[in-house]
N, C-alpha and C. Protein backbone atom coordinates (compact mmCIF):
# COMPACT_ATOMS: atom_id res chain seq x y z
N MET A 1 -69.18 27.17 -94.74
CA MET A 1 -68.28 26.37 -94.00
C MET A 1 -69.22 25.74 -93.13
N ALA A 2 -68.90 24.14 -93.39
CA ALA A 2 -69.84 23.63 -92.87
C ALA A 2 -69.95 23.69 -91.19
N ASN A 3 -71.48 22.85 -90.08
CA ASN A 3 -71.65 23.31 -88.97
C ASN A 3 -70.19 22.32 -87.93
N ALA A 4 -70.72 22.90 -86.95
CA ALA A 4 -69.74 21.89 -86.25
C ALA A 4 -71.41 21.48 -85.14
N ARG A 5 -71.09 20.49 -84.44
CA ARG A 5 -72.18 19.80 -83.95
C ARG A 5 -71.87 19.42 -82.45
N CYS A 6 -72.00 19.87 -81.51
CA CYS A 6 -72.14 19.85 -80.07
C CYS A 6 -73.44 19.03 -79.15
N THR A 7 -72.87 18.67 -78.30
CA THR A 7 -74.22 17.89 -76.88
C THR A 7 -73.98 19.19 -76.17
N LEU A 8 -75.76 19.80 -75.83
CA LEU A 8 -75.72 20.56 -74.55
C LEU A 8 -76.39 19.84 -73.57
N ARG A 9 -76.34 20.27 -72.32
CA ARG A 9 -76.99 19.46 -71.27
C ARG A 9 -77.56 20.19 -70.46
N CYS A 10 -78.95 19.90 -70.27
CA CYS A 10 -79.65 20.73 -69.29
C CYS A 10 -80.05 20.32 -67.89
N THR A 11 -80.12 20.47 -66.64
CA THR A 11 -80.43 19.71 -66.01
C THR A 11 -81.32 20.64 -64.69
N VAL A 12 -82.60 20.82 -64.38
CA VAL A 12 -83.56 21.62 -63.94
C VAL A 12 -83.96 20.78 -62.64
N TRP A 13 -83.89 21.35 -61.09
CA TRP A 13 -84.45 21.33 -60.34
C TRP A 13 -85.63 21.87 -59.85
N HIS A 14 -86.72 20.90 -59.05
CA HIS A 14 -87.88 21.55 -58.53
C HIS A 14 -88.22 20.76 -57.48
N THR A 15 -89.46 21.07 -57.03
CA THR A 15 -89.90 21.23 -55.55
C THR A 15 -90.43 19.55 -55.60
N GLY A 16 -90.71 19.21 -57.04
CA GLY A 16 -91.33 17.65 -56.56
C GLY A 16 -90.96 16.74 -58.65
N ALA A 17 -91.09 15.66 -58.58
CA ALA A 17 -90.55 14.78 -59.92
C ALA A 17 -91.29 15.40 -61.46
N ASP A 18 -93.05 15.66 -60.73
CA ASP A 18 -93.60 16.20 -61.93
C ASP A 18 -93.18 17.23 -62.48
N GLU A 19 -93.49 18.36 -61.37
CA GLU A 19 -92.70 20.06 -62.04
C GLU A 19 -91.33 19.83 -62.77
N ALA A 20 -90.41 19.09 -61.97
CA ALA A 20 -88.87 19.17 -62.60
C ALA A 20 -88.66 18.50 -64.29
N HIS A 21 -89.98 17.67 -64.30
CA HIS A 21 -89.80 17.37 -65.43
C HIS A 21 -90.57 18.18 -66.58
N ASP A 22 -91.52 18.70 -65.93
CA ASP A 22 -92.51 19.36 -66.86
C ASP A 22 -91.60 20.96 -66.88
N LEU A 23 -90.99 21.49 -66.31
CA LEU A 23 -89.77 22.42 -66.40
C LEU A 23 -88.85 21.88 -67.73
N ALA A 24 -88.17 20.87 -67.57
CA ALA A 24 -87.26 20.20 -68.56
C ALA A 24 -87.96 20.23 -69.86
N MET A 25 -88.93 19.63 -69.75
CA MET A 25 -89.81 19.34 -71.33
C MET A 25 -89.73 21.08 -71.73
N LEU A 26 -90.59 22.24 -70.96
CA LEU A 26 -90.60 23.28 -71.26
C LEU A 26 -89.24 23.98 -72.09
N CYS A 27 -88.27 23.57 -71.45
CA CYS A 27 -86.67 24.15 -71.43
C CYS A 27 -85.99 23.43 -72.89
N GLN A 28 -86.65 22.14 -73.30
CA GLN A 28 -86.12 21.53 -74.41
C GLN A 28 -86.65 21.81 -75.81
N GLY A 29 -88.14 21.97 -75.41
CA GLY A 29 -88.79 22.85 -76.31
C GLY A 29 -88.22 24.47 -76.68
N LEU A 30 -87.68 25.47 -75.84
CA LEU A 30 -87.60 26.26 -76.27
C LEU A 30 -86.00 26.52 -77.15
N TRP A 31 -85.36 25.60 -76.64
CA TRP A 31 -83.89 25.21 -77.32
C TRP A 31 -84.41 25.02 -78.30
N ILE A 32 -85.10 23.85 -79.03
CA ILE A 32 -85.60 22.80 -80.61
C ILE A 32 -86.28 24.18 -81.20
N VAL A 33 -86.57 24.98 -80.44
CA VAL A 33 -87.24 25.90 -81.76
C VAL A 33 -86.51 26.76 -81.79
N HIS A 34 -85.33 27.18 -81.13
CA HIS A 34 -84.32 28.36 -81.23
C HIS A 34 -83.41 28.40 -82.41
N SER A 35 -83.12 29.30 -83.25
CA SER A 35 -82.24 29.29 -83.77
C SER A 35 -81.55 30.83 -84.42
N GLY A 36 -80.50 30.86 -84.81
CA GLY A 36 -79.56 32.17 -84.77
C GLY A 36 -78.55 32.53 -85.67
N PRO A 37 -78.02 33.56 -85.65
CA PRO A 37 -76.63 33.01 -86.20
C PRO A 37 -75.42 32.19 -85.59
N VAL A 38 -75.53 31.87 -84.20
CA VAL A 38 -74.44 30.84 -83.58
C VAL A 38 -75.18 29.53 -83.97
N ILE A 39 -75.93 29.19 -82.86
CA ILE A 39 -76.96 27.78 -83.68
C ILE A 39 -77.38 27.74 -84.28
N ARG A 40 -77.55 26.87 -85.19
CA ARG A 40 -78.22 26.97 -86.39
C ARG A 40 -79.64 26.04 -86.78
N GLY A 41 -79.44 25.10 -85.10
CA GLY A 41 -80.57 23.95 -85.06
C GLY A 41 -80.17 23.32 -84.19
N ILE A 42 -81.22 22.47 -83.40
CA ILE A 42 -81.29 21.45 -82.15
C ILE A 42 -82.45 20.52 -82.53
N ARG A 43 -81.42 19.34 -82.15
CA ARG A 43 -82.53 18.03 -82.08
C ARG A 43 -82.24 17.43 -80.55
N PRO A 44 -83.45 17.09 -80.37
CA PRO A 44 -83.44 15.87 -79.19
C PRO A 44 -82.34 15.19 -79.26
N ALA A 45 -81.84 14.83 -78.28
CA ALA A 45 -81.03 13.48 -78.08
C ALA A 45 -81.72 12.65 -76.49
N THR A 46 -81.36 13.20 -75.61
CA THR A 46 -82.04 11.82 -74.79
C THR A 46 -82.80 12.70 -73.68
N GLY A 47 -83.66 11.80 -73.01
CA GLY A 47 -84.65 12.54 -71.68
C GLY A 47 -85.46 13.50 -72.18
N PRO A 48 -86.27 13.89 -71.67
CA PRO A 48 -86.09 14.66 -69.76
C PRO A 48 -86.12 12.91 -68.68
N LEU A 49 -84.66 13.08 -68.22
CA LEU A 49 -84.69 11.66 -67.47
C LEU A 49 -85.02 12.28 -66.11
N PRO A 50 -85.93 11.62 -65.08
CA PRO A 50 -85.86 12.17 -63.31
C PRO A 50 -84.84 11.29 -62.98
N ALA A 51 -84.37 12.30 -61.95
CA ALA A 51 -83.64 11.64 -60.51
C ALA A 51 -83.78 12.46 -59.79
N VAL A 52 -83.27 12.41 -58.76
CA VAL A 52 -82.73 12.77 -57.46
C VAL A 52 -81.56 13.39 -56.86
N ASP A 53 -81.22 14.32 -56.73
CA ASP A 53 -79.70 14.92 -56.32
C ASP A 53 -79.41 14.33 -55.03
N PRO A 54 -78.09 13.89 -55.37
CA PRO A 54 -77.70 13.02 -53.86
C PRO A 54 -77.54 13.56 -52.89
N GLY A 55 -77.08 14.96 -53.17
CA GLY A 55 -76.72 16.26 -52.34
C GLY A 55 -77.35 16.89 -51.13
N THR A 56 -78.39 16.76 -51.73
CA THR A 56 -79.82 17.77 -51.24
C THR A 56 -81.09 16.95 -51.22
N GLY A 57 -81.33 16.21 -52.08
CA GLY A 57 -82.81 15.39 -52.13
C GLY A 57 -83.83 15.70 -52.93
N ILE A 58 -83.11 16.88 -53.44
CA ILE A 58 -84.47 17.64 -54.69
C ILE A 58 -84.08 16.81 -55.76
N ASP A 59 -85.64 16.66 -56.18
CA ASP A 59 -85.97 16.35 -57.63
C ASP A 59 -85.40 16.89 -58.81
N LEU A 60 -85.13 15.99 -59.96
CA LEU A 60 -84.38 17.08 -61.22
C LEU A 60 -84.96 15.91 -62.26
N SER A 61 -84.57 16.52 -63.06
CA SER A 61 -84.96 16.41 -64.84
C SER A 61 -84.09 17.01 -65.66
N THR A 62 -82.88 15.68 -66.37
CA THR A 62 -82.33 16.43 -67.21
C THR A 62 -82.22 15.64 -68.55
N PHE A 63 -81.70 16.35 -69.59
CA PHE A 63 -82.08 15.93 -70.95
C PHE A 63 -80.91 16.42 -71.94
N THR A 64 -80.48 16.02 -73.19
CA THR A 64 -79.49 16.39 -74.25
C THR A 64 -80.42 16.50 -74.83
N VAL A 65 -79.39 17.88 -75.71
CA VAL A 65 -80.20 18.14 -77.14
C VAL A 65 -78.92 18.07 -78.21
N LEU A 66 -78.48 17.61 -79.20
CA LEU A 66 -77.29 18.05 -80.28
C LEU A 66 -77.49 19.23 -81.00
N ALA A 67 -76.92 20.25 -81.11
CA ALA A 67 -77.00 21.80 -81.54
C ALA A 67 -76.19 21.55 -82.69
N ASN A 68 -76.36 22.40 -83.96
CA ASN A 68 -75.63 22.49 -85.25
C ASN A 68 -75.01 23.76 -84.35
N VAL A 69 -73.91 24.09 -84.51
CA VAL A 69 -73.32 25.46 -84.36
C VAL A 69 -72.73 25.69 -85.54
N ALA A 70 -72.46 27.22 -85.98
CA ALA A 70 -71.26 27.73 -86.44
C ALA A 70 -70.35 27.96 -85.65
N PRO A 71 -69.16 27.48 -87.09
CA PRO A 71 -67.81 27.60 -86.35
C PRO A 71 -67.14 29.04 -86.53
N VAL A 72 -66.44 28.92 -85.70
CA VAL A 72 -65.88 30.33 -85.66
C VAL A 72 -64.12 30.19 -85.87
N LEU A 73 -64.07 30.99 -86.96
CA LEU A 73 -62.27 30.93 -87.11
C LEU A 73 -61.54 31.65 -86.15
N LEU A 74 -60.54 31.54 -85.48
CA LEU A 74 -59.75 31.86 -84.77
C LEU A 74 -58.61 32.69 -85.48
């Protein structure tokens, strides 16, 4: 059975813009190297992109990845 593809987004908050970016890069790297019975492979899509949370003013960074996942029969 063929893979299904989905987009996953991760957003991280930290005390500074550089720290948020570094944490987002770490998370993205961990996702990219992960594989298993459900997530069969991941490719980077966007980011990490810096931003500021409008509600709290805390620095954040966000990225997306494209995941190939095993389909599940219902």
